[in-house]
């Protein structure tokens, strides 16, 4: 007779994985919704909102699906467009709420990634890390491309860790269609599919198809798209105003990672080191992605904190891989959570530019 299996200790500790995840998502949503109206009716949280939201609105008001602007691919605009259909003018609030929903999806996907890679406790640590990482929280309120990219990265890595190469390739294409650096996910896809060339080839083909379907005008208007993308890359490599006195890129970006994770970053980096010592499939997929993506970042002289967001789910899962340190990691994540609360409190104030506009 088969004896009933005991549930895993980490499941019991948190009252069941779904209950723990639901509670985490409620907390994450509450933090993100504070300040969601900041700067409205103007796009004062991020200037890229003025590039993305009006184009998404135009798509459902007779403007067609071609944005005629390709500094970013078009998937994010396509995701926002249906929710603009009932507005008489571009609605930044509706767009931001859509991004909040995608951000919560990124937390759930990170839970799945950590769970598939290292078990239930790692899943909860990964989700908690993504839920409170300060840059991810901040950009969850902005109708820009970074949160959709991060969601795509988390889902793609979870599929690769699970050995589902075809679906993983499909999501690689979607991530690149949210923001061009998603193409770097091809590196861990190669690692996950090494020696399985037919399945790997199918994944790459599906990546190309997914990108073409969700950003078709990048290919149809290839000349303009290449020019727009090249211009943005040139600015990123030569530096924007405001970064003249930064440290070298590796130091600058490491500092911004610390600003996002706080002391929990040390455990994540420890998990990265252990991953390259242990070298199972999950270790190699996550480790290679972190190294390849960070190697790309160190070539840049523009050190925007948002550039680091695709690393957040992978680093969260790597922190969770050190299961004996899970309680310590969760305790350390209180530090960035307090930073989130501080930042959210600042966003409850009226921006001086809105006050000035009303006075004028």
Protein backbone atom coordinates (compact mmCIF):
# COMPACT_ATOMS: atom_id res chain seq x y z
CA UNK A 1 0.00 0.00 0.00
CA UNK A 2 1.33 3.43 -0.96
CA UNK A 3 1.71 5.72 2.02
CA UNK A 4 0.58 9.33 1.66
CA UNK A 5 3.48 11.64 0.98
CA UNK A 6 4.25 14.43 3.35
CA UNK A 7 4.03 17.92 2.01
CA UNK A 8 7.30 19.78 1.86
CA UNK A 9 8.22 21.67 5.00
CA UNK A 10 8.39 25.00 3.22
CA UNK A 11 4.81 24.54 2.02
CA UNK A 12 3.56 23.99 5.58
CA UNK A 13 5.62 26.85 6.96
CA UNK A 14 3.88 29.36 4.72
CA UNK A 15 0.39 27.83 4.95
CA UNK A 16 0.63 26.41 1.44
CA UNK A 17 2.44 27.88 -1.56
CA UNK A 18 -0.65 29.40 -3.14
CA UNK A 19 -1.66 31.18 0.06
CA UNK A 20 1.85 32.55 0.51
CA UNK A 21 2.01 33.71 -3.11
CA UNK A 22 -1.44 35.33 -2.92
CA UNK A 23 -0.49 37.22 0.24
CA UNK A 24 2.72 38.39 -1.39
CA UNK A 25 0.87 39.59 -4.48
CA UNK A 26 -1.64 41.53 -2.38
CA UNK A 27 1.20 43.26 -0.53
CA UNK A 28 3.04 43.96 -3.79
CA UNK A 29 -0.08 45.41 -5.40
CA UNK A 30 -0.74 47.66 -2.41
CA UNK A 31 2.78 49.12 -2.52
CA UNK A 32 2.57 49.72 -6.27
CA UNK A 33 -0.86 51.34 -6.23
CA UNK A 34 0.31 54.01 -3.81
CA UNK A 35 1.49 56.87 -6.01
CA UNK A 36 0.04 55.41 -9.21
CA UNK A 37 -1.58 58.77 -10.03
CA UNK A 38 1.59 60.78 -9.51
CA UNK A 39 2.01 63.64 -11.97
CA UNK A 40 -1.29 63.07 -13.75
CA UNK A 41 -2.70 64.21 -16.10
CA UNK A 42 0.90 64.64 -17.28
CA UNK A 43 3.44 61.86 -17.75
CA UNK A 44 5.86 63.03 -15.07
CA UNK A 45 7.09 59.68 -13.77
CA UNK A 46 8.95 58.79 -16.95
CA UNK A 47 9.28 60.72 -20.24
CA UNK A 48 8.97 57.48 -22.27
CA UNK A 49 5.31 57.31 -21.23
CA UNK A 50 4.73 60.21 -23.66
CA UNK A 51 6.27 58.14 -26.46
CA UNK A 52 4.40 54.91 -25.72
CA UNK A 53 0.92 55.68 -24.35
CA UNK A 54 -0.27 58.13 -27.06
CA UNK A 55 0.83 55.69 -29.76
CA UNK A 56 -1.01 52.85 -28.02
CA UNK A 57 -4.10 55.08 -27.80
CA UNK A 58 -3.86 55.98 -31.50
CA UNK A 59 -3.85 52.30 -32.47
CA UNK A 60 -7.45 51.94 -31.27
CA UNK A 61 -8.54 55.32 -32.62
CA UNK A 62 -7.84 54.97 -36.33
CA UNK A 63 -4.06 55.25 -36.28
CA UNK A 64 -3.35 51.67 -37.35
CA UNK A 65 -0.86 49.22 -35.88
CA UNK A 66 2.29 50.84 -37.29
CA UNK A 67 3.70 53.18 -34.61
CA UNK A 68 6.18 54.76 -37.07
CA UNK A 69 8.65 54.86 -34.16
CA UNK A 70 11.01 52.05 -33.25
CA UNK A 71 13.24 53.08 -30.39
CA UNK A 72 11.39 50.19 -28.75
CA UNK A 73 9.62 47.28 -30.46
CA UNK A 74 5.85 47.30 -30.42
CA UNK A 75 4.61 44.52 -28.12
CA UNK A 76 4.20 46.84 -25.10
CA UNK A 77 2.13 49.26 -27.18
CA UNK A 78 -0.02 46.38 -28.43
CA UNK A 79 -0.60 45.24 -24.83
CA UNK A 80 -1.65 48.73 -23.74
CA UNK A 81 -3.76 49.57 -26.80
CA UNK A 82 -6.94 47.55 -26.02
CA UNK A 83 -7.30 49.30 -22.66
CA UNK A 84 -7.12 52.71 -24.34
CA UNK A 85 -10.08 51.99 -26.63
CA UNK A 86 -12.77 53.60 -24.44
CA UNK A 87 -10.80 56.77 -23.63
CA UNK A 88 -11.28 60.00 -25.57
CA UNK A 89 -7.60 60.84 -25.08
CA UNK A 90 -4.53 58.88 -23.98
CA UNK A 91 -5.04 57.62 -20.43
CA UNK A 92 -1.78 57.34 -18.52
CA UNK A 93 -3.57 56.00 -15.46
CA UNK A 94 -5.11 53.09 -17.38
CA UNK A 95 -1.75 52.33 -18.96
CA UNK A 96 -0.03 52.37 -15.58
CA UNK A 97 -2.63 50.04 -14.09
CA UNK A 98 -2.02 47.64 -16.99
CA UNK A 99 1.69 47.66 -16.19
CA UNK A 100 0.95 47.01 -12.50
CA UNK A 101 -0.94 43.88 -13.57
CA UNK A 102 2.02 42.76 -15.68
CA UNK A 103 4.35 43.49 -12.76
CA UNK A 104 2.34 41.19 -10.52
CA UNK A 105 2.60 38.59 -13.28
CA UNK A 106 6.38 39.03 -13.11
CA UNK A 107 6.31 38.25 -9.38
CA UNK A 108 4.25 35.10 -9.99
CA UNK A 109 6.58 34.08 -12.83
CA UNK A 110 9.59 34.55 -10.54
CA UNK A 111 7.92 32.29 -7.96
CA UNK A 112 7.50 29.70 -10.71
CA UNK A 113 11.12 30.16 -11.81
CA UNK A 114 12.55 29.71 -8.34
CA UNK A 115 10.27 26.76 -7.62
CA UNK A 116 11.17 24.95 -10.85
CA UNK A 117 14.86 25.66 -10.38
CA UNK A 118 15.40 24.96 -6.68
CA UNK A 119 12.16 24.06 -4.91
CA UNK A 120 9.28 25.73 -3.02
CA UNK A 121 11.34 27.78 -0.58
CA UNK A 122 13.43 29.19 -3.44
CA UNK A 123 10.23 30.06 -5.27
CA UNK A 124 8.97 32.12 -2.37
CA UNK A 125 12.33 33.86 -1.90
CA UNK A 126 12.52 34.69 -5.61
CA UNK A 127 8.98 36.10 -5.63
CA UNK A 128 9.61 38.11 -2.46
CA UNK A 129 12.82 39.54 -3.89
CA UNK A 130 11.09 40.66 -7.08
CA UNK A 131 8.11 41.99 -5.10
CA UNK A 132 10.23 44.41 -3.05
CA UNK A 133 13.21 45.19 -5.33
CA UNK A 134 13.02 48.95 -5.43
CA UNK A 135 13.66 49.56 -9.12
CA UNK A 136 11.06 46.98 -10.12
CA UNK A 137 8.55 48.55 -7.73
CA UNK A 138 9.23 52.02 -9.16
CA UNK A 139 8.89 50.95 -12.80
CA UNK A 140 5.75 48.97 -12.01
CA UNK A 141 3.99 52.36 -11.86
CA UNK A 142 5.31 53.52 -15.25
CA UNK A 143 3.76 52.70 -18.63
CA UNK A 144 7.08 51.82 -20.27
CA UNK A 145 8.75 48.68 -21.62
CA UNK A 146 10.87 47.50 -18.71
CA UNK A 147 8.30 45.55 -16.70
CA UNK A 148 6.98 43.61 -19.75
CA UNK A 149 10.59 42.70 -20.58
CA UNK A 150 11.22 41.50 -17.02
CA UNK A 151 8.05 39.40 -17.07
CA UNK A 152 9.18 37.82 -20.34
CA UNK A 153 12.62 37.08 -18.90
CA UNK A 154 11.16 35.34 -15.83
CA UNK A 155 8.79 33.18 -17.89
CA UNK A 156 11.43 32.30 -20.48
CA UNK A 157 13.97 31.25 -17.85
CA UNK A 158 11.37 29.16 -16.01
CA UNK A 159 10.55 27.32 -19.24
CA UNK A 160 14.23 26.75 -20.01
CA UNK A 161 14.90 25.41 -16.51
CA UNK A 162 11.93 23.06 -17.02
CA UNK A 163 13.41 21.81 -20.31
CA UNK A 164 10.57 23.22 -22.44
CA UNK A 165 12.75 24.63 -25.17
CA UNK A 166 10.11 25.33 -27.81
CA UNK A 167 7.92 27.36 -25.47
CA UNK A 168 11.02 28.95 -23.99
CA UNK A 169 12.07 30.10 -27.45
CA UNK A 170 8.59 31.47 -28.09
CA UNK A 171 8.78 33.60 -24.95
CA UNK A 172 12.30 34.74 -25.87
CA UNK A 173 10.75 36.27 -28.98
CA UNK A 174 8.04 37.95 -26.91
CA UNK A 175 10.61 39.34 -24.46
CA UNK A 176 12.66 40.79 -27.33
CA UNK A 177 9.43 42.23 -28.73
CA UNK A 178 8.89 44.05 -25.43
CA UNK A 179 12.41 45.49 -25.49
CA UNK A 180 15.33 44.61 -27.76
CA UNK A 181 17.73 43.34 -25.03
CA UNK A 182 15.42 40.36 -24.60
CA UNK A 183 17.39 38.83 -27.47
CA UNK A 184 20.14 38.05 -24.94
CA UNK A 185 17.90 35.25 -23.66
CA UNK A 186 19.18 33.24 -26.62
CA UNK A 187 22.34 32.57 -24.59
CA UNK A 188 20.64 30.59 -21.79
CA UNK A 189 18.37 28.98 -24.41
CA UNK A 190 21.52 27.65 -26.09
CA UNK A 191 22.75 26.33 -22.75
CA UNK A 192 19.43 24.66 -21.97
CA UNK A 193 19.26 23.05 -25.40
CA UNK A 194 22.91 22.10 -25.85
CA UNK A 195 23.09 18.77 -27.66
CA UNK A 196 19.34 18.78 -28.40
CA UNK A 197 19.79 20.56 -31.69
CA UNK A 198 16.40 19.84 -33.23
CA UNK A 199 14.51 21.11 -30.17
CA UNK A 200 16.87 24.05 -29.87
CA UNK A 201 16.32 24.90 -33.53
CA UNK A 202 12.57 24.80 -33.02
CA UNK A 203 12.91 27.17 -30.08
CA UNK A 204 14.96 29.65 -32.12
CA UNK A 205 12.48 29.51 -35.01
CA UNK A 206 9.59 30.14 -32.61
CA UNK A 207 11.50 33.08 -31.12
CA UNK A 208 11.80 34.67 -34.56
CA UNK A 209 8.14 33.99 -35.35
CA UNK A 210 6.95 35.41 -32.01
CA UNK A 211 8.98 38.58 -32.55
CA UNK A 212 7.75 38.97 -36.12
CA UNK A 213 4.09 38.52 -35.16
CA UNK A 214 4.17 40.93 -32.21
CA UNK A 215 6.51 43.56 -33.70
CA UNK A 216 5.81 43.15 -37.42
CA UNK A 217 6.59 46.71 -38.45
CA UNK A 218 10.10 46.45 -37.04
CA UNK A 219 10.70 44.06 -39.95
CA UNK A 220 8.43 45.76 -42.49
CA UNK A 221 10.02 49.17 -41.81
CA UNK A 222 13.45 47.68 -41.22
CA UNK A 223 15.40 50.70 -42.38
CA UNK A 224 13.72 53.12 -39.98
CA UNK A 225 13.65 50.54 -37.19
CA UNK A 226 17.38 49.87 -37.53
CA UNK A 227 18.10 53.59 -37.52
CA UNK A 228 16.00 54.22 -34.40
CA UNK A 229 17.45 51.25 -32.53
CA UNK A 230 21.01 52.14 -33.54
CA UNK A 231 20.57 55.72 -32.35
CA UNK A 232 19.37 54.58 -28.92
CA UNK A 233 22.23 52.09 -28.65
CA UNK A 234 24.73 54.78 -29.61
CA UNK A 235 23.44 57.05 -26.87
CA UNK A 236 23.57 54.18 -24.37
CA UNK A 237 27.19 53.41 -25.25
CA UNK A 238 28.42 57.00 -25.38
CA UNK A 239 26.48 58.15 -22.31
CA UNK A 240 23.54 60.44 -21.57
CA UNK A 241 23.70 63.66 -19.61
CA UNK A 242 23.88 62.95 -15.90
CA UNK A 243 26.35 60.06 -15.99
CA UNK A 244 29.52 62.09 -16.58
CA UNK A 245 30.83 61.55 -13.05
CA UNK A 246 29.73 57.95 -12.55
CA UNK A 247 32.15 55.21 -11.65
CA UNK A 248 33.09 52.67 -14.31
CA UNK A 249 30.12 50.64 -15.53
CA UNK A 250 30.73 47.48 -13.43
CA UNK A 251 30.89 49.54 -10.23
CA UNK A 252 28.01 51.83 -11.20
CA UNK A 253 25.67 48.96 -12.06
CA UNK A 254 26.67 46.97 -8.96
CA UNK A 255 25.81 50.02 -6.88
CA UNK A 256 22.42 50.23 -8.51
CA UNK A 257 21.84 46.55 -7.81
CA UNK A 258 22.57 47.28 -4.16
CA UNK A 259 20.08 50.15 -4.28
CA UNK A 260 17.48 47.66 -5.51
CA UNK A 261 18.14 44.62 -3.33
CA UNK A 262 19.97 46.00 -0.33
CA UNK A 263 22.07 43.46 1.62
CA UNK A 264 20.11 40.54 0.10
CA UNK A 265 22.27 41.12 -2.99
CA UNK A 266 25.17 39.46 -1.16
CA UNK A 267 23.18 36.23 -0.85
CA UNK A 268 22.14 36.41 -4.50
CA UNK A 269 25.79 36.77 -5.54
CA UNK A 270 26.68 33.88 -3.26
CA UNK A 271 24.02 31.82 -5.04
CA UNK A 272 25.60 32.78 -8.37
CA UNK A 273 29.01 31.54 -7.22
CA UNK A 274 27.51 28.28 -5.92
CA UNK A 275 25.64 27.84 -9.23
CA UNK A 276 28.88 27.78 -11.22
CA UNK A 277 30.39 25.31 -8.74
CA UNK A 278 27.35 22.99 -8.77
CA UNK A 279 26.49 23.41 -12.51
CA UNK A 280 23.16 21.62 -12.91
CA UNK A 281 20.83 22.78 -15.68
CA UNK A 282 19.08 25.44 -13.59
CA UNK A 283 22.41 26.74 -12.34
CA UNK A 284 23.83 27.07 -15.83
CA UNK A 285 20.73 28.62 -17.36
CA UNK A 286 20.48 31.28 -14.66
CA UNK A 287 24.21 31.80 -14.28
CA UNK A 288 24.88 32.19 -17.98
CA UNK A 289 22.02 34.65 -18.36
CA UNK A 290 23.28 36.79 -15.47
CA UNK A 291 26.85 36.85 -16.80
CA UNK A 292 25.94 37.48 -20.45
CA UNK A 293 23.45 40.20 -19.58
CA UNK A 294 25.81 41.93 -17.14
CA UNK A 295 28.67 41.68 -19.64
CA UNK A 296 26.48 43.58 -22.09
CA UNK A 297 25.75 46.23 -19.47
CA UNK A 298 29.42 46.93 -18.72
CA UNK A 299 29.91 48.13 -22.30
CA UNK A 300 27.49 51.03 -21.63
CA UNK A 301 28.27 54.51 -20.37
CA UNK A 302 24.60 55.16 -19.55
CA UNK A 303 23.91 53.55 -16.19
CA UNK A 304 20.14 53.69 -15.93
CA UNK A 305 18.81 51.58 -13.07
CA UNK A 306 16.06 50.18 -15.31
CA UNK A 307 18.67 48.40 -17.43
CA UNK A 308 19.17 45.99 -14.53
CA UNK A 309 15.56 44.86 -14.23
CA UNK A 310 15.90 41.69 -16.37
CA UNK A 311 18.46 40.43 -13.82
CA UNK A 312 16.06 40.71 -10.89
CA UNK A 313 14.13 37.39 -11.32
CA UNK A 314 17.33 35.41 -11.93
CA UNK A 315 19.11 36.93 -8.94
CA UNK A 316 16.04 36.33 -6.79
CA UNK A 317 16.01 32.66 -7.75
CA UNK A 318 19.76 32.36 -7.13
CA UNK A 319 19.32 33.88 -3.68
CA UNK A 320 16.61 31.28 -3.04
CA UNK A 321 18.93 28.46 -4.16
CA UNK A 322 20.75 28.78 -0.81
CA UNK A 323 17.82 27.21 1.01
CA UNK A 324 19.47 27.12 4.42
CA UNK A 325 19.74 30.91 4.22
CA UNK A 326 16.13 31.47 3.12
CA UNK A 327 14.99 32.91 6.50
CA UNK A 328 17.98 35.27 6.52
CA UNK A 329 17.27 36.35 2.94
CA UNK A 330 13.62 37.09 3.71
CA UNK A 331 14.65 39.09 6.76
CA UNK A 332 17.13 41.12 4.69
CA UNK A 333 14.42 41.88 2.12
CA UNK A 334 12.74 44.01 4.77
CA UNK A 335 15.40 46.62 3.98
CA UNK A 336 14.34 47.30 0.36
CA UNK A 337 10.71 47.06 1.46
CA UNK A 338 11.25 50.01 3.81
CA UNK A 339 12.80 51.90 0.89
CA UNK A 340 9.69 51.11 -1.17
CA UNK A 341 7.45 52.53 1.54
CA UNK A 342 9.57 55.68 1.72
CA UNK A 343 9.46 56.15 -2.06
CA UNK A 344 5.70 55.52 -2.18
CA UNK A 345 5.12 58.14 0.52
CA UNK A 346 6.99 60.70 -1.60
CA UNK A 347 4.67 59.96 -4.53
CA UNK A 348 1.59 60.89 -2.53
CA UNK A 349 2.62 64.55 -2.79
CA UNK A 350 1.59 66.78 -5.68
CA UNK A 351 4.39 67.43 -8.15
CA UNK A 352 5.47 71.07 -8.22
CA UNK A 353 5.06 71.14 -11.99
CA UNK A 354 1.38 70.22 -11.65
CA UNK A 355 0.93 72.96 -9.06
CA UNK A 356 2.68 75.47 -11.35
CA UNK A 357 0.53 74.43 -14.32
CA UNK A 358 -2.64 74.95 -12.31
CA UNK A 359 -1.45 78.37 -11.14
CA UNK A 360 -0.56 79.47 -14.68
